[in-house]
Amino acid sequence: MARSYPSPQPKELRTQAAGLLMPYKYSKMGTTPVPVPWVFIGQQINLQRPHSIQEARENIAYLSELKATGQIDQAWGDNLIADQYKILSALVDEAKLAIQGGEQGEQIIRIEGGLPTMPGLEELIMPQLNGHKSLELQAIEHGPQAPSDSVPTDKEPGP
């Protein structure tokens, strides 16, 4: 156990100095990136850029084999395999477009939707009040408007 010796400085000053110097000795792990241990690899890996789905799969299999036998580092192998999967995904998307014939020309995006008509409401007749159409029906036909008989004009005295 470490012995503490009395300091000539006041306790408040020592506490403040310790608080200011602490981040330099013990950083918060949430703000620093996780260190990746890089090891020197004596073997050079030559991968050709895959031009087909089959070549990308062969590259992934080759890298998996190197990783499994310990010839490359686990993290480095995972990163290389992840890159090959991204290329593979792009090649698959290109193949899908080529099959659909959308490789050349303009791409059209059509948005369809809406609610279907409810059963029994195909021929719905909106009710009329006192021989006038309802406000809802007027709003559908002409946009939202107030009924003419309820809006006072300058000629008629207001209520």
C-alpha atoms as a PDB file:
ATOM      1  CA  MET A   1       0.000   0.000   0.000  1.00  0.00           C
ATOM      2  CA  ALA A   2       1.346   3.416  -0.936  1.00  0.00           C
ATOM      3  CA  ARG A   3       2.149   5.849   1.837  1.00  0.00           C
ATOM      4  CA  SER A   4       0.843   9.367   1.621  1.00  0.00           C
ATOM      5  CA  TYR A   5       2.968  12.207   2.859  1.00  0.00           C
ATOM      6  CA  PRO A   6       1.568  15.507   4.009  1.00  0.00           C
ATOM      7  CA  SER A   7       1.722  18.221   1.341  1.00  0.00           C
ATOM      8  CA  PRO A   8       2.433  21.871   2.041  1.00  0.00           C
ATOM      9  CA  GLN A   9      -0.394  22.846  -0.371  1.00  0.00           C
ATOM     10  CA  PRO A  10      -4.003  23.212   0.806  1.00  0.00           C
ATOM     11  CA  LYS A  11      -6.312  20.239   0.184  1.00  0.00           C
ATOM     12  CA  GLU A  12      -8.639  22.279  -2.101  1.00  0.00           C
ATOM     13  CA  LEU A  13      -5.741  23.234  -4.393  1.00  0.00           C
ATOM     14  CA  ARG A  14      -4.506  19.640  -4.610  1.00  0.00           C
ATOM     15  CA  THR A  15      -8.024  18.421  -5.436  1.00  0.00           C
ATOM     16  CA  GLN A  16      -8.422  20.992  -8.192  1.00  0.00           C
ATOM     17  CA  ALA A  17      -5.003  20.161  -9.685  1.00  0.00           C
ATOM     18  CA  ALA A  18      -5.780  16.437  -9.628  1.00  0.00           C
ATOM     19  CA  GLY A  19      -9.087  17.065 -11.411  1.00  0.00           C
ATOM     20  CA  LEU A  20      -7.370  19.107 -14.133  1.00  0.00           C
ATOM     21  CA  LEU A  21      -4.542  16.610 -14.671  1.00  0.00           C
ATOM     22  CA  MET A  22      -6.632  13.412 -14.509  1.00  0.00           C
ATOM     23  CA  PRO A  23      -7.763  13.437 -18.196  1.00  0.00           C
ATOM     24  CA  TYR A  24      -4.144  13.448 -19.292  1.00  0.00           C
ATOM     25  CA  LYS A  25      -3.371  10.305 -17.328  1.00  0.00           C
ATOM     26  CA  TYR A  26      -6.676   8.417 -17.674  1.00  0.00           C
ATOM     27  CA  SER A  27      -8.643   9.329 -20.814  1.00  0.00           C
ATOM     28  CA  LYS A  28     -12.325   8.530 -21.144  1.00  0.00           C
ATOM     29  CA  MET A  29     -12.647   5.423 -23.274  1.00  0.00           C
ATOM     30  CA  GLY A  30     -15.846   6.688 -24.894  1.00  0.00           C
ATOM     31  CA  THR A  31     -13.985   9.490 -26.652  1.00  0.00           C
ATOM     32  CA  THR A  32     -11.023   7.480 -27.898  1.00  0.00           C
ATOM     33  CA  PRO A  33     -11.219   4.939 -30.703  1.00  0.00           C
ATOM     34  CA  VAL A  34     -10.644   1.314 -29.887  1.00  0.00           C
ATOM     35  CA  PRO A  35      -7.026   0.498 -30.659  1.00  0.00           C
ATOM     36  CA  VAL A  36      -6.576  -2.042 -33.447  1.00  0.00           C
ATOM     37  CA  PRO A  37      -3.477  -4.156 -33.003  1.00  0.00           C
ATOM     38  CA  TRP A  38      -1.685  -4.148 -36.359  1.00  0.00           C
ATOM     39  CA  VAL A  39       0.803  -6.899 -36.795  1.00  0.00           C
ATOM     40  CA  PHE A  40       3.451  -7.075 -39.444  1.00  0.00           C
ATOM     41  CA  ILE A  41       2.463  -9.566 -42.079  1.00  0.00           C
ATOM     42  CA  GLY A  42       5.317 -10.997 -44.040  1.00  0.00           C
ATOM     43  CA  GLN A  43       3.085 -12.396 -46.763  1.00  0.00           C
ATOM     44  CA  GLN A  44       1.819 -10.108 -49.486  1.00  0.00           C
ATOM     45  CA  ILE A  45      -1.687 -10.828 -50.692  1.00  0.00           C
ATOM     46  CA  ASN A  46      -2.410 -10.176 -54.343  1.00  0.00           C
ATOM     47  CA  LEU A  47      -6.102 -10.079 -55.108  1.00  0.00           C
ATOM     48  CA  GLN A  48      -7.352  -9.235 -58.550  1.00  0.00           C
ATOM     49  CA  ARG A  49     -10.345  -6.939 -58.755  1.00  0.00           C
ATOM     50  CA  PRO A  50     -13.290  -9.264 -59.354  1.00  0.00           C
ATOM     51  CA  HIS A  51     -15.164  -8.688 -62.606  1.00  0.00           C
ATOM     52  CA  SER A  52     -17.744 -11.405 -62.037  1.00  0.00           C
ATOM     53  CA  ILE A  53     -19.725 -12.838 -59.165  1.00  0.00           C
ATOM     54  CA  GLN A  54     -17.713 -16.061 -59.342  1.00  0.00           C
ATOM     55  CA  GLU A  55     -14.382 -14.188 -59.008  1.00  0.00           C
ATOM     56  CA  ALA A  56     -15.668 -12.298 -55.961  1.00  0.00           C
ATOM     57  CA  ARG A  57     -16.744 -15.568 -54.331  1.00  0.00           C
ATOM     58  CA  GLU A  58     -13.333 -17.110 -55.058  1.00  0.00           C
ATOM     59  CA  ASN A  59     -11.597 -14.101 -53.434  1.00  0.00           C
ATOM     60  CA  ILE A  60     -13.788 -14.448 -50.330  1.00  0.00           C
ATOM     61  CA  ALA A  61     -13.041 -18.180 -50.116  1.00  0.00           C
ATOM     62  CA  TYR A  62      -9.284 -17.538 -50.537  1.00  0.00           C
ATOM     63  CA  LEU A  63      -9.263 -14.868 -47.799  1.00  0.00           C
ATOM     64  CA  SER A  64     -11.287 -17.097 -45.470  1.00  0.00           C
ATOM     65  CA  GLU A  65      -8.784 -19.878 -45.966  1.00  0.00           C
ATOM     66  CA  LEU A  66      -5.839 -17.553 -45.210  1.00  0.00           C
ATOM     67  CA  LYS A  67      -7.592 -16.331 -42.073  1.00  0.00           C
ATOM     68  CA  ALA A  68      -8.476 -19.846 -40.919  1.00  0.00           C
ATOM     69  CA  THR A  69      -4.904 -21.087 -41.293  1.00  0.00           C
ATOM     70  CA  GLY A  70      -3.529 -18.079 -39.422  1.00  0.00           C
ATOM     71  CA  GLN A  71      -1.623 -16.681 -42.394  1.00  0.00           C
ATOM     72  CA  ILE A  72      -3.346 -13.300 -42.004  1.00  0.00           C
ATOM     73  CA  ASP A  73      -4.607 -11.457 -38.946  1.00  0.00           C
ATOM     74  CA  GLN A  74      -8.240 -12.027 -37.949  1.00  0.00           C
ATOM     75  CA  ALA A  75      -9.255  -8.328 -38.047  1.00  0.00           C
ATOM     76  CA  TRP A  76      -7.393  -7.678 -41.289  1.00  0.00           C
ATOM     77  CA  GLY A  77      -8.989 -10.733 -42.880  1.00  0.00           C
ATOM     78  CA  ASP A  78     -12.444  -9.637 -41.767  1.00  0.00           C
ATOM     79  CA  ASN A  79     -11.898  -6.184 -43.300  1.00  0.00           C
ATOM     80  CA  LEU A  80     -10.723  -7.649 -46.603  1.00  0.00           C
ATOM     81  CA  ILE A  81     -13.652 -10.068 -46.716  1.00  0.00           C
ATOM     82  CA  ALA A  82     -16.104  -7.233 -45.952  1.00  0.00           C
ATOM     83  CA  ASP A  83     -14.676  -5.263 -48.891  1.00  0.00           C
ATOM     84  CA  GLN A  84     -15.104  -8.261 -51.168  1.00  0.00           C
ATOM     85  CA  TYR A  85     -18.724  -8.644 -50.022  1.00  0.00           C
ATOM     86  CA  LYS A  86     -19.403  -4.996 -50.969  1.00  0.00           C
ATOM     87  CA  ILE A  87     -18.007  -5.623 -54.444  1.00  0.00           C
ATOM     88  CA  LEU A  88     -20.025  -8.847 -54.687  1.00  0.00           C
ATOM     89  CA  SER A  89     -23.205  -6.979 -53.754  1.00  0.00           C
ATOM     90  CA  ALA A  90     -22.559  -4.382 -56.467  1.00  0.00           C
ATOM     91  CA  LEU A  91     -21.948  -7.110 -59.050  1.00  0.00           C
ATOM     92  CA  VAL A  92     -25.195  -8.858 -58.081  1.00  0.00           C
ATOM     93  CA  ASP A  93     -27.124  -5.574 -58.425  1.00  0.00           C
ATOM     94  CA  GLU A  94     -25.600  -5.009 -61.880  1.00  0.00           C
ATOM     95  CA  ALA A  95     -26.619  -8.520 -62.911  1.00  0.00           C
ATOM     96  CA  LYS A  96     -30.191  -7.932 -61.724  1.00  0.00           C
ATOM     97  CA  LEU A  97     -30.415  -4.715 -63.749  1.00  0.00           C
ATOM     98  CA  ALA A  98     -29.019  -6.452 -66.815  1.00  0.00           C
ATOM     99  CA  ILE A  99     -31.638  -9.215 -66.531  1.00  0.00           C
ATOM    100  CA  GLN A 100     -34.439  -6.665 -66.251  1.00  0.00           C
ATOM    101  CA  GLY A 101     -33.120  -4.759 -69.242  1.00  0.00           C
ATOM    102  CA  GLY A 102     -32.724  -1.584 -67.183  1.00  0.00           C
ATOM    103  CA  GLU A 103     -29.007  -1.297 -67.828  1.00  0.00           C
ATOM    104  CA  GLN A 104     -29.531   1.338 -70.525  1.00  0.00           C
ATOM    105  CA  GLY A 105     -32.190   4.005 -70.668  1.00  0.00           C
ATOM    106  CA  GLU A 106     -34.137   5.986 -68.174  1.00  0.00           C
ATOM    107  CA  GLN A 107     -35.253   4.501 -64.894  1.00  0.00           C
ATOM    108  CA  ILE A 108     -38.902   5.154 -64.058  1.00  0.00           C
ATOM    109  CA  ILE A 109     -40.137   5.204 -60.493  1.00  0.00           C
ATOM    110  CA  ARG A 110     -43.893   4.800 -60.193  1.00  0.00           C
ATOM    111  CA  ILE A 111     -45.617   5.353 -56.881  1.00  0.00           C
ATOM    112  CA  GLU A 112     -49.078   3.861 -56.611  1.00  0.00           C
ATOM    113  CA  GLY A 113     -51.257   3.560 -53.635  1.00  0.00           C
ATOM    114  CA  GLY A 114     -54.219   4.877 -51.789  1.00  0.00           C
ATOM    115  CA  LEU A 115     -56.970   3.116 -49.980  1.00  0.00           C
ATOM    116  CA  PRO A 116     -59.368   0.941 -51.937  1.00  0.00           C
ATOM    117  CA  THR A 117     -63.019   1.862 -52.008  1.00  0.00           C
ATOM    118  CA  MET A 118     -64.811   0.307 -49.097  1.00  0.00           C
ATOM    119  CA  PRO A 119     -67.406  -2.317 -49.997  1.00  0.00           C
ATOM    120  CA  GLY A 120     -70.897  -0.863 -50.271  1.00  0.00           C
ATOM    121  CA  LEU A 121     -69.730   2.727 -50.802  1.00  0.00           C
ATOM    122  CA  GLU A 122     -69.320   2.629 -54.590  1.00  0.00           C
ATOM    123  CA  GLU A 123     -72.531   4.597 -55.193  1.00  0.00           C
ATOM    124  CA  LEU A 124     -72.739   6.666 -52.029  1.00  0.00           C
ATOM    125  CA  ILE A 125     -75.085   9.644 -52.256  1.00  0.00           C
ATOM    126  CA  MET A 126     -74.203  12.514 -49.940  1.00  0.00           C
ATOM    127  CA  PRO A 127     -77.169  13.866 -47.955  1.00  0.00           C
ATOM    128  CA  GLN A 128     -78.575  17.326 -48.643  1.00  0.00           C
ATOM    129  CA  LEU A 129     -79.816  19.639 -45.912  1.00  0.00           C
ATOM    130  CA  ASN A 130     -82.888  21.755 -46.696  1.00  0.00           C
ATOM    131  CA  GLY A 131     -82.331  21.279 -50.431  1.00  0.00           C
ATOM    132  CA  HIS A 132     -78.650  22.421 -50.194  1.00  0.00           C
ATOM    133  CA  LYS A 133     -75.622  20.229 -50.543  1.00  0.00           C
ATOM    134  CA  SER A 134     -73.648  19.566 -47.380  1.00  0.00           C
ATOM    135  CA  LEU A 135     -70.442  21.479 -46.673  1.00  0.00           C
ATOM    136  CA  GLU A 136     -68.414  18.299 -47.101  1.00  0.00           C
ATOM    137  CA  LEU A 137     -69.804  17.687 -50.595  1.00  0.00           C
ATOM    138  CA  GLN A 138     -69.234  21.333 -51.581  1.00  0.00           C
ATOM    139  CA  ALA A 139     -65.655  21.098 -50.355  1.00  0.00           C
ATOM    140  CA  ILE A 140     -65.106  17.973 -52.437  1.00  0.00           C
ATOM    141  CA  GLU A 141     -66.642  19.470 -55.580  1.00  0.00           C
ATOM    142  CA  HIS A 142     -65.445  23.096 -55.426  1.00  0.00           C
ATOM    143  CA  GLY A 143     -62.902  23.330 -52.666  1.00  0.00           C
ATOM    144  CA  PRO A 144     -63.630  24.594 -49.153  1.00  0.00           C
ATOM    145  CA  GLN A 145     -66.180  27.453 -49.251  1.00  0.00           C
ATOM    146  CA  ALA A 146     -68.729  28.799 -46.869  1.00  0.00           C
ATOM    147  CA  PRO A 147     -72.367  28.514 -47.904  1.00  0.00           C
ATOM    148  CA  SER A 148     -73.605  31.703 -49.533  1.00  0.00           C
ATOM    149  CA  ASP A 149     -76.692  32.038 -47.339  1.00  0.00           C
ATOM    150  CA  SER A 150     -74.631  32.090 -44.116  1.00  0.00           C
ATOM    151  CA  VAL A 151     -72.187  34.850 -45.107  1.00  0.00           C
ATOM    152  CA  PRO A 152     -73.554  38.370 -44.563  1.00  0.00           C
ATOM    153  CA  THR A 153     -73.072  40.838 -47.418  1.00  0.00           C
ATOM    154  CA  ASP A 154     -72.862  44.630 -47.306  1.00  0.00           C
ATOM    155  CA  LYS A 155     -76.431  44.912 -48.623  1.00  0.00           C
ATOM    156  CA  GLU A 156     -77.908  42.793 -45.859  1.00  0.00           C
ATOM    157  CA  PRO A 157     -77.751  43.880 -42.236  1.00  0.00           C
ATOM    158  CA  GLY A 158     -75.626  41.630 -40.041  1.00  0.00           C
ATOM    159  CA  PRO A 159     -76.895  39.897 -36.929  1.00  0.00           C
END
